[in-house]
Amino acid sequence: MIEVTKLGGTVFHVNPHLIEYIETNPDTTLIMLSGKRLVVREDYQSVFDRIVVYRKLLGAHRNEE
């Protein structure tokens, strides 16, 4: 799970494997596989970096190199 912050300041955790794609318009919006849209305070690069760290912890990156 990665930590993200809603615009209102609430911190929560998201399973990055369930993120279909990310939009920046200008707010960062995570579009989940379920179709749900989550608007977060973090910028795209911060979310991307957290996903990379999470996947490295799982060892998932070995199959992606």
C-alpha atoms as a PDB file:
ATOM      1  CA  MET A   1       0.000   0.000   0.000  1.00  0.00           C
ATOM      2  CA  ILE A   2       1.098   3.550  -0.655  1.00  0.00           C
ATOM      3  CA  GLU A   3       0.166   6.549   1.449  1.00  0.00           C
ATOM      4  CA  VAL A   4      -1.651   9.446  -0.206  1.00  0.00           C
ATOM      5  CA  THR A   5      -3.557  12.482   1.073  1.00  0.00           C
ATOM      6  CA  LYS A   6      -7.040  13.607   0.075  1.00  0.00           C
ATOM      7  CA  LEU A   7      -7.466  17.305  -0.725  1.00  0.00           C
ATOM      8  CA  GLY A   8      -9.177  17.730   2.656  1.00  0.00           C
ATOM      9  CA  GLY A   9      -6.066  16.460   4.467  1.00  0.00           C
ATOM     10  CA  THR A  10      -7.158  12.911   5.277  1.00  0.00           C
ATOM     11  CA  VAL A  11      -4.307  10.451   4.878  1.00  0.00           C
ATOM     12  CA  PHE A  12      -5.168   7.017   3.492  1.00  0.00           C
ATOM     13  CA  HIS A  13      -3.524   4.062   1.780  1.00  0.00           C
ATOM     14  CA  VAL A  14      -4.116   2.711  -1.709  1.00  0.00           C
ATOM     15  CA  ASN A  15      -3.114  -0.575  -3.281  1.00  0.00           C
ATOM     16  CA  PRO A  16      -1.085   0.606  -6.300  1.00  0.00           C
ATOM     17  CA  HIS A  17      -1.869  -2.593  -8.195  1.00  0.00           C
ATOM     18  CA  LEU A  18      -5.462  -1.363  -8.420  1.00  0.00           C
ATOM     19  CA  ILE A  19      -4.557   1.949 -10.073  1.00  0.00           C
ATOM     20  CA  GLU A  20      -5.426   1.846 -13.762  1.00  0.00           C
ATOM     21  CA  TYR A  21      -3.909   5.225 -14.613  1.00  0.00           C
ATOM     22  CA  ILE A  22      -3.133   8.668 -13.173  1.00  0.00           C
ATOM     23  CA  GLU A  23      -4.368  12.008 -14.500  1.00  0.00           C
ATOM     24  CA  THR A  24      -3.003  15.460 -13.706  1.00  0.00           C
ATOM     25  CA  ASN A  25      -5.623  18.087 -14.504  1.00  0.00           C
ATOM     26  CA  PRO A  26      -4.142  20.043 -12.514  1.00  0.00           C
ATOM     27  CA  ASP A  27      -4.960  17.930  -9.436  1.00  0.00           C
ATOM     28  CA  THR A  28      -3.510  14.446  -9.342  1.00  0.00           C
ATOM     29  CA  THR A  29      -6.327  11.934  -9.837  1.00  0.00           C
ATOM     30  CA  LEU A  30      -5.909   8.197  -9.394  1.00  0.00           C
ATOM     31  CA  ILE A  31      -8.318   6.258 -11.579  1.00  0.00           C
ATOM     32  CA  MET A  32      -8.828   2.838 -10.063  1.00  0.00           C
ATOM     33  CA  LEU A  33      -9.646  -0.381 -11.913  1.00  0.00           C
ATOM     34  CA  SER A  34     -13.114  -0.162 -10.360  1.00  0.00           C
ATOM     35  CA  GLY A  35     -13.651   3.209 -12.068  1.00  0.00           C
ATOM     36  CA  LYS A  36     -13.466   5.139  -8.799  1.00  0.00           C
ATOM     37  CA  ARG A  37     -11.553   8.438  -9.022  1.00  0.00           C
ATOM     38  CA  LEU A  38      -9.404   9.556  -6.084  1.00  0.00           C
ATOM     39  CA  VAL A  39      -8.119  13.141  -6.088  1.00  0.00           C
ATOM     40  CA  VAL A  40      -4.951  13.487  -4.013  1.00  0.00           C
ATOM     41  CA  ARG A  41      -2.643  16.310  -2.881  1.00  0.00           C
ATOM     42  CA  GLU A  42       0.549  14.624  -4.021  1.00  0.00           C
ATOM     43  CA  ASP A  43       1.935  15.416  -7.450  1.00  0.00           C
ATOM     44  CA  TYR A  44       2.327  12.734 -10.106  1.00  0.00           C
ATOM     45  CA  GLN A  45       6.052  12.227  -9.484  1.00  0.00           C
ATOM     46  CA  SER A  46       5.525  11.660  -5.745  1.00  0.00           C
ATOM     47  CA  VAL A  47       2.859   9.034  -6.390  1.00  0.00           C
ATOM     48  CA  PHE A  48       5.017   7.398  -9.066  1.00  0.00           C
ATOM     49  CA  ASP A  49       8.044   7.286  -6.727  1.00  0.00           C
ATOM     50  CA  ARG A  50       5.956   5.708  -3.940  1.00  0.00           C
ATOM     51  CA  ILE A  51       4.696   3.043  -6.341  1.00  0.00           C
ATOM     52  CA  VAL A  52       8.277   2.241  -7.419  1.00  0.00           C
ATOM     53  CA  VAL A  53       9.445   1.936  -3.791  1.00  0.00           C
ATOM     54  CA  TYR A  54       6.451  -0.267  -2.942  1.00  0.00           C
ATOM     55  CA  ARG A  55       7.054  -2.575  -5.897  1.00  0.00           C
ATOM     56  CA  LYS A  56      10.756  -2.848  -5.067  1.00  0.00           C
ATOM     57  CA  LEU A  57       9.843  -3.892  -1.536  1.00  0.00           C
ATOM     58  CA  LEU A  58       7.708  -6.670  -3.004  1.00  0.00           C
ATOM     59  CA  GLY A  59      10.426  -7.697  -5.423  1.00  0.00           C
ATOM     60  CA  ALA A  60       8.091  -7.052  -8.364  1.00  0.00           C
ATOM     61  CA  HIS A  61      10.667  -4.996 -10.235  1.00  0.00           C
ATOM     62  CA  ARG A  62      12.782  -8.059 -11.055  1.00  0.00           C
ATOM     63  CA  ASN A  63      10.245  -9.124 -13.667  1.00  0.00           C
ATOM     64  CA  GLU A  64      10.075  -5.628 -15.149  1.00  0.00           C
ATOM     65  CA  GLU A  65      13.745  -4.916 -15.812  1.00  0.00           C
END
